[in-house]
């Protein structure tokens, strides 16, 4: 996962937020 590698933990948080958003929109 490029996002996880980029920005370290910050990137991970972004991925988690994106996942949450996807769940909300779906």
C-alpha atoms as a PDB file:
ATOM      1  CA  UNK A   1       0.000   0.000   0.000  1.00  0.00           C
ATOM      2  CA  UNK A   2       1.576   3.246  -1.146  1.00  0.00           C
ATOM      3  CA  UNK A   3      -0.428   5.427   1.235  1.00  0.00           C
ATOM      4  CA  UNK A   4       0.689   3.432   4.279  1.00  0.00           C
ATOM      5  CA  UNK A   5       4.359   3.768   3.304  1.00  0.00           C
ATOM      6  CA  UNK A   6       3.958   7.472   2.522  1.00  0.00           C
ATOM      7  CA  UNK A   7       3.707   9.501   5.706  1.00  0.00           C
ATOM      8  CA  UNK A   8       4.068   6.526   8.020  1.00  0.00           C
ATOM      9  CA  UNK A   9       1.433   6.554  10.753  1.00  0.00           C
ATOM     10  CA  UNK A  10      -0.102   9.728   9.339  1.00  0.00           C
ATOM     11  CA  UNK A  11      -0.704   7.902   6.079  1.00  0.00           C
ATOM     12  CA  UNK A  12      -2.254   5.023   7.993  1.00  0.00           C
ATOM     13  CA  UNK A  13      -4.710   7.398   9.655  1.00  0.00           C
ATOM     14  CA  UNK A  14      -5.589   8.782   6.226  1.00  0.00           C
ATOM     15  CA  UNK A  15      -6.245   5.269   4.947  1.00  0.00           C
ATOM     16  CA  UNK A  16      -8.446   4.517   7.945  1.00  0.00           C
ATOM     17  CA  UNK A  17     -10.404   7.725   7.384  1.00  0.00           C
ATOM     18  CA  UNK A  18     -10.823   6.829   3.726  1.00  0.00           C
ATOM     19  CA  UNK A  19     -12.068   3.373   4.702  1.00  0.00           C
ATOM     20  CA  UNK A  20     -14.555   4.897   7.143  1.00  0.00           C
ATOM     21  CA  UNK A  21     -15.753   7.304   4.469  1.00  0.00           C
ATOM     22  CA  UNK A  22     -16.221   4.429   2.052  1.00  0.00           C
ATOM     23  CA  UNK A  23     -18.303   2.564   4.621  1.00  0.00           C
ATOM     24  CA  UNK A  24     -20.397   5.672   5.262  1.00  0.00           C
ATOM     25  CA  UNK A  25     -21.035   6.363   1.584  1.00  0.00           C
ATOM     26  CA  UNK A  26     -21.790   2.768   0.742  1.00  0.00           C
END
